[in-house]
Amino acid sequence: MAVVLLDTNIVISLLNTKDSMHGPALSAVREWEHQGAEFPLSVIVWSEVLSGALRHRGKSAVQNLEGLKKGFFSATIPVNLEIANHAAKLRAANHPGLKTPDALILASGVDMSADAVLTADKRLESAAPELVQLVTC
């Protein structure tokens, strides 16, 4: 069974039907769903999406996120020392623009032997081209 991680920007686009990336993100996820993919949730992505909901959207948005987490995502991926070490190596390997949360998401994908990490962020593609599936408009 295929394993696909979603970057924060993809989750946000899926949740916001007015986002310009909503359609492309939804299409990319549906392609993987048709292949029977599982979608584990990185705790980094969860933290980023939840903080936005808490700041800007309120209690109902948080409840919607909780429902999405339970109904769509197959598991939660914690950050362990192996993932942290791999993320540090990604950042150190000529990817100075790669931020720690992004490196942790990519390293989580590597740790899980994921088939892909869906993102709209081109910087992630350059850091792990064999893993990243770039979603564009």
C-alpha atoms as a PDB file:
ATOM      1  CA  MET A   1       0.000   0.000   0.000  1.00  0.00           C
ATOM      2  CA  ALA A   2       1.281   3.459  -0.894  1.00  0.00           C
ATOM      3  CA  VAL A   3       2.135   5.932   1.860  1.00  0.00           C
ATOM      4  CA  VAL A   4       1.818   9.653   1.145  1.00  0.00           C
ATOM      5  CA  LEU A   5       2.505  12.569   3.474  1.00  0.00           C
ATOM      6  CA  LEU A   6       0.893  15.948   3.000  1.00  0.00           C
ATOM      7  CA  ASP A   7       2.808  19.143   3.617  1.00  0.00           C
ATOM      8  CA  THR A   8       1.095  21.873   5.613  1.00  0.00           C
ATOM      9  CA  ASN A   9       0.340  23.947   2.520  1.00  0.00           C
ATOM     10  CA  ILE A  10      -1.552  21.030   0.971  1.00  0.00           C
ATOM     11  CA  VAL A  11      -3.675  20.446   4.084  1.00  0.00           C
ATOM     12  CA  ILE A  12      -4.509  24.153   4.255  1.00  0.00           C
ATOM     13  CA  SER A  13      -5.445  24.156   0.565  1.00  0.00           C
ATOM     14  CA  LEU A  14      -7.672  21.121   1.023  1.00  0.00           C
ATOM     15  CA  LEU A  15      -9.500  22.812   3.895  1.00  0.00           C
ATOM     16  CA  ASN A  16     -10.028  26.128   2.093  1.00  0.00           C
ATOM     17  CA  THR A  17     -12.191  25.758  -1.014  1.00  0.00           C
ATOM     18  CA  LYS A  18     -11.387  29.373  -1.969  1.00  0.00           C
ATOM     19  CA  ASP A  19      -7.637  28.737  -1.984  1.00  0.00           C
ATOM     20  CA  SER A  20      -6.148  28.780  -5.503  1.00  0.00           C
ATOM     21  CA  MET A  21      -4.413  25.472  -4.726  1.00  0.00           C
ATOM     22  CA  HIS A  22      -7.576  23.712  -3.497  1.00  0.00           C
ATOM     23  CA  GLY A  23      -8.361  22.049  -6.843  1.00  0.00           C
ATOM     24  CA  PRO A  24      -4.821  20.907  -7.628  1.00  0.00           C
ATOM     25  CA  ALA A  25      -4.304  19.657  -4.052  1.00  0.00           C
ATOM     26  CA  LEU A  26      -7.595  17.754  -4.115  1.00  0.00           C
ATOM     27  CA  SER A  27      -6.743  16.198  -7.491  1.00  0.00           C
ATOM     28  CA  ALA A  28      -3.319  15.070  -6.283  1.00  0.00           C
ATOM     29  CA  VAL A  29      -4.784  13.501  -3.135  1.00  0.00           C
ATOM     30  CA  ARG A  30      -7.545  11.777  -5.103  1.00  0.00           C
ATOM     31  CA  GLU A  31      -4.984  10.279  -7.518  1.00  0.00           C
ATOM     32  CA  TRP A  32      -3.218   8.683  -4.568  1.00  0.00           C
ATOM     33  CA  GLU A  33      -6.521   7.611  -2.962  1.00  0.00           C
ATOM     34  CA  HIS A  34      -7.402   5.729  -6.164  1.00  0.00           C
ATOM     35  CA  GLN A  35      -4.135   3.841  -5.723  1.00  0.00           C
ATOM     36  CA  GLY A  36      -5.172   2.881  -2.180  1.00  0.00           C
ATOM     37  CA  ALA A  37      -2.721   5.210  -0.447  1.00  0.00           C
ATOM     38  CA  GLU A  38      -2.605   5.810   3.273  1.00  0.00           C
ATOM     39  CA  PHE A  39      -2.066   9.351   4.516  1.00  0.00           C
ATOM     40  CA  PRO A  40      -0.252   9.528   7.861  1.00  0.00           C
ATOM     41  CA  LEU A  41      -0.111  12.925   9.549  1.00  0.00           C
ATOM     42  CA  SER A  42       3.174  14.466  10.636  1.00  0.00           C
ATOM     43  CA  VAL A  43       2.930  16.070  14.067  1.00  0.00           C
ATOM     44  CA  ILE A  44       4.766  19.020  12.515  1.00  0.00           C
ATOM     45  CA  VAL A  45       1.976  19.527   9.963  1.00  0.00           C
ATOM     46  CA  TRP A  46      -0.618  19.075  12.707  1.00  0.00           C
ATOM     47  CA  SER A  47       1.038  21.712  14.876  1.00  0.00           C
ATOM     48  CA  GLU A  48       1.260  24.212  12.018  1.00  0.00           C
ATOM     49  CA  VAL A  49      -2.343  23.735  10.883  1.00  0.00           C
ATOM     50  CA  LEU A  50      -3.718  23.705  14.425  1.00  0.00           C
ATOM     51  CA  SER A  51      -1.894  26.894  15.394  1.00  0.00           C
ATOM     52  CA  GLY A  52      -3.441  28.671  12.402  1.00  0.00           C
ATOM     53  CA  ALA A  53      -6.900  27.446  13.330  1.00  0.00           C
ATOM     54  CA  LEU A  54      -6.464  28.522  16.945  1.00  0.00           C
ATOM     55  CA  ARG A  55      -5.247  31.979  15.946  1.00  0.00           C
ATOM     56  CA  HIS A  56      -7.638  32.780  13.160  1.00  0.00           C
ATOM     57  CA  ARG A  57     -10.618  30.458  13.030  1.00  0.00           C
ATOM     58  CA  GLY A  58     -11.752  29.587  16.553  1.00  0.00           C
ATOM     59  CA  LYS A  59     -13.266  26.563  18.237  1.00  0.00           C
ATOM     60  CA  SER A  60     -15.323  25.257  15.304  1.00  0.00           C
ATOM     61  CA  ALA A  61     -12.254  25.182  13.058  1.00  0.00           C
ATOM     62  CA  VAL A  62     -10.356  23.229  15.692  1.00  0.00           C
ATOM     63  CA  GLN A  63     -13.242  20.740  15.914  1.00  0.00           C
ATOM     64  CA  ASN A  64     -13.231  20.400  12.108  1.00  0.00           C
ATOM     65  CA  LEU A  65      -9.482  19.702  12.206  1.00  0.00           C
ATOM     66  CA  GLU A  66      -9.952  17.075  14.906  1.00  0.00           C
ATOM     67  CA  GLY A  67     -12.570  15.407  12.713  1.00  0.00           C
ATOM     68  CA  LEU A  68     -10.237  15.484   9.712  1.00  0.00           C
ATOM     69  CA  LYS A  69      -7.407  14.027  11.769  1.00  0.00           C
ATOM     70  CA  LYS A  70      -9.568  11.123  12.925  1.00  0.00           C
ATOM     71  CA  GLY A  71     -11.416  10.538   9.661  1.00  0.00           C
ATOM     72  CA  PHE A  72      -8.794  11.008   6.947  1.00  0.00           C
ATOM     73  CA  PHE A  73      -5.307  10.507   8.325  1.00  0.00           C
ATOM     74  CA  SER A  74      -4.277   6.896   8.921  1.00  0.00           C
ATOM     75  CA  ALA A  75      -1.796   7.535  11.743  1.00  0.00           C
ATOM     76  CA  THR A  76       0.191  10.252  13.462  1.00  0.00           C
ATOM     77  CA  ILE A  77       3.939  10.413  12.883  1.00  0.00           C
ATOM     78  CA  PRO A  78       5.927  11.609  15.895  1.00  0.00           C
ATOM     79  CA  VAL A  79       9.378  13.126  15.577  1.00  0.00           C
ATOM     80  CA  ASN A  80      12.040  10.818  16.951  1.00  0.00           C
ATOM     81  CA  LEU A  81      15.811  11.163  17.118  1.00  0.00           C
ATOM     82  CA  GLU A  82      16.334   9.364  13.787  1.00  0.00           C
ATOM     83  CA  ILE A  83      13.967  11.776  12.024  1.00  0.00           C
ATOM     84  CA  ALA A  84      15.605  14.752  13.724  1.00  0.00           C
ATOM     85  CA  ASN A  85      19.068  13.576  12.656  1.00  0.00           C
ATOM     86  CA  HIS A  86      17.956  13.049   9.070  1.00  0.00           C
ATOM     87  CA  ALA A  87      16.329  16.508   9.022  1.00  0.00           C
ATOM     88  CA  ALA A  88      19.567  18.085  10.228  1.00  0.00           C
ATOM     89  CA  LYS A  89      21.507  16.307   7.456  1.00  0.00           C
ATOM     90  CA  LEU A  90      19.023  17.555   4.843  1.00  0.00           C
ATOM     91  CA  ARG A  91      19.443  21.131   6.043  1.00  0.00           C
ATOM     92  CA  ALA A  92      23.215  20.855   6.173  1.00  0.00           C
ATOM     93  CA  ALA A  93      23.502  19.343   2.671  1.00  0.00           C
ATOM     94  CA  ASN A  94      23.455  22.498   0.576  1.00  0.00           C
ATOM     95  CA  HIS A  95      19.851  23.351   1.422  1.00  0.00           C
ATOM     96  CA  PRO A  96      20.264  26.479   3.569  1.00  0.00           C
ATOM     97  CA  GLY A  97      16.779  27.751   2.659  1.00  0.00           C
ATOM     98  CA  LEU A  98      15.149  24.573   3.975  1.00  0.00           C
ATOM     99  CA  LYS A  99      13.460  25.366   7.274  1.00  0.00           C
ATOM    100  CA  THR A 100      13.511  22.925  10.156  1.00  0.00           C
ATOM    101  CA  PRO A 101       9.762  22.083  10.025  1.00  0.00           C
ATOM    102  CA  ASP A 102      10.044  21.314   6.302  1.00  0.00           C
ATOM    103  CA  ALA A 103      13.139  19.195   6.842  1.00  0.00           C
ATOM    104  CA  LEU A 104      11.335  17.275   9.598  1.00  0.00           C
ATOM    105  CA  ILE A 105       8.377  16.571   7.305  1.00  0.00           C
ATOM    106  CA  LEU A 106      10.701  15.303   4.553  1.00  0.00           C
ATOM    107  CA  ALA A 107      12.699  13.219   7.027  1.00  0.00           C
ATOM    108  CA  SER A 108       9.434  11.719   8.318  1.00  0.00           C
ATOM    109  CA  GLY A 109       8.644  10.653   4.773  1.00  0.00           C
ATOM    110  CA  VAL A 110      12.051   9.038   4.403  1.00  0.00           C
ATOM    111  CA  ASP A 111      11.702   7.307   7.786  1.00  0.00           C
ATOM    112  CA  MET A 112       8.318   5.855   6.771  1.00  0.00           C
ATOM    113  CA  SER A 113       9.551   4.857   3.302  1.00  0.00           C
ATOM    114  CA  ALA A 114       6.784   7.044   1.901  1.00  0.00           C
ATOM    115  CA  ASP A 115       6.022   6.983  -1.779  1.00  0.00           C
ATOM    116  CA  ALA A 116       5.606  10.751  -1.850  1.00  0.00           C
ATOM    117  CA  VAL A 117       5.332  13.971   0.084  1.00  0.00           C
ATOM    118  CA  LEU A 118       2.807  16.272  -1.576  1.00  0.00           C
ATOM    119  CA  THR A 119       3.731  19.947  -1.380  1.00  0.00           C
ATOM    120  CA  ALA A 120       3.378  23.236  -3.212  1.00  0.00           C
ATOM    121  CA  ASP A 121       6.784  24.385  -1.944  1.00  0.00           C
ATOM    122  CA  LYS A 122       9.508  24.173  -4.607  1.00  0.00           C
ATOM    123  CA  ARG A 123      12.248  24.318  -1.957  1.00  0.00           C
ATOM    124  CA  LEU A 124      11.227  20.890  -0.710  1.00  0.00           C
ATOM    125  CA  GLU A 125      11.477  19.454  -4.200  1.00  0.00           C
ATOM    126  CA  SER A 126      15.106  20.530  -4.520  1.00  0.00           C
ATOM    127  CA  ALA A 127      15.948  19.002  -1.135  1.00  0.00           C
ATOM    128  CA  ALA A 128      14.381  15.591  -1.874  1.00  0.00           C
ATOM    129  CA  PRO A 129      13.435  15.289  -5.564  1.00  0.00           C
ATOM    130  CA  GLU A 130      12.995  11.514  -5.358  1.00  0.00           C
ATOM    131  CA  LEU A 131      10.346  11.897  -2.626  1.00  0.00           C
ATOM    132  CA  VAL A 132       8.547  15.167  -3.301  1.00  0.00           C
ATOM    133  CA  GLN A 133       5.577  15.464  -5.629  1.00  0.00           C
ATOM    134  CA  LEU A 134       5.182  19.152  -6.416  1.00  0.00           C
ATOM    135  CA  VAL A 135       1.547  20.261  -6.688  1.00  0.00           C
ATOM    136  CA  THR A 136       1.028  23.362  -8.824  1.00  0.00           C
ATOM    137  CA  CYS A 137      -1.842  25.375 -10.300  1.00  0.00           C
END
